[in-house]
Structures are given as C-alpha cells and as structure tokens.
Amino acid sequence: MDSRTFPPDEEEDVLTKESTFELLYEGRTKKLFQIDRPDQLVAEFKSIVNPDAKKKGKGKGSGALRNEISSYLFEYLEGFHIPTHFVKQLSDTQMLVKRLEIIPIFVRVFNVATGLLAKRFDLREGTKLSFPVIEHYLKNPDATNPWINEFHVYSFRLATPEELRLINRLASKVNAVLRALCERRDLLLASLTMEFGRHKGQILVGDELTPETCVVWDVTNKQKPQRDIFRMDRSDAEDALIELRNRLQRKS
C-alpha cells in the first residue's frame, strides 16, 4: 500500500503534518489517494512523457501544468455556481477533491465537428455546429467506451432520469462558460469530455479539465485555426501546456 505524508503547510482543519494518504487508484494520468477524511481524496497528476519529448529532455512537468490548468478552470466554474469536486490546489501536482460516487458515463460536448462526430456523420473536420451536440458514452474501457443513449442509461441503471437531466444541464453550462472564456483568449473549445459523480446527494463535475479532456484550438489566425497544438501526445506537449496556461490565465 502506497502511504505518504502531506506537506506541512496545509490548513490544520483539513490536513496535518502527520496526515497520511493511501493509494486507492492509479490510472494513466492520475493517482487518487484516500486521506484521513473519508469524504475527500487527493488527486495527484502524473507527468505524461512522450517518447520523443523524453529524447529532447522535456516532459517532466506536464503533471504540474495540468494540475494548475485544471485547478484554475474548476475555480473559474465555481465562480459561475457550477458545483465541482474541486476543493483546493495542494501542491504543484496535487489537488484536494471531494470523494465522488462516479457515474460511469462520459459526457462529450461538441461545438464543432471533430473526432468521432465528424467521422460518424461524414462531416468535414472543423465544421461549425449550429448548436452544441451532447453525447454519452459508457465508461468501460474493456468495451472501448461505447456510445449510448438515454435508454441505455436507464436500462443499465447508470443514472435516474432526473440525474441525467441535471448532468446534461451542467454539461451544457460548463461548455457555455468555458467556450466563452476560450473565445476571449483567441481559443476555440472544439469539444470537451466530462465525468460526473454523486456527493452527499449532489451531482458534481469531476475528473480534470485539461487537454486530456478538452480539445482546444488556437484561432489567432481567424481564417485557419491551428488544430491539435495542445494535444498531450505531441513531442512539445509541455511547451503547449505552458502556452495554454498563460493564455487561459491572461487578464483581459
């Protein structure tokens, strides 16, 4: 069991110098740790190292950058009264979050035709949609996260009709708020993927808000948006994250 000690400078009512946390889950991008409080976890962002980037001596700070971007965006959403699992940023790579009963659904919102949506409906990549499209996917990597509709959600007892309506409303609001933020930064939020969970009877936005879950394009050139420049599998991913962080946090 992985057990560590927290940094000594955290608030005493949340963490103490003697507080320990135990590894609950480790995925490709994050680790989740249980702390002394049963309703809170620590999410630790792992640095995703592209083999090409490693050869160039880069790729060591992507976890810290994703944590910074995600913390900023969660705080930004809270300013619009959108409930999220975010509590506070603890360190360069760690954030304190509310423990969720995860609803096993990925909710994806498309603002332009990209990725699966463009391929499925034979649309030109980048085609502007007259209205955002919301799709749902079963969170099941073994089944390649299949596309599902509301009847699957109810039949499989993934969520109640009331919960799904709330999830869709929250997804729509998150998309509207982040899309407007991106537009003011000469960025286009092409699509985003969200996860939701239950916490003390409330539905909260969970997971992370980074290029792992958001497809963001640079539209500095209004005629030809630069696509995929913030993707995590690029050899210059760390530089791209720095650029995105600076753009998002820019005062304007």
Foldseek 3Di string as FASTA:
>chain_A
DDKDFADQPDDPVVHHRRKMWDWDDDDQFWTWTQIPDNFKIKIFGAFDAAPLLVVVVDRHQPQLLQLLVQQVLQVLVVVVVAFAQFDAARDSGMTMGTDFPWLQKKKKKFQAQADPNCVVVVHDHGHGDPDIDIWIFGNDVVVPGHTDDVVCCVVVVSDDPVVVVVVVVSVVVSCVSVQVLQVVLQKGFRMFIWIWGDHPRDIHTYDGDALVTTFMWHCPPVVDIHGPPCHSNDSCNVVSSVVVSCSSPDDD
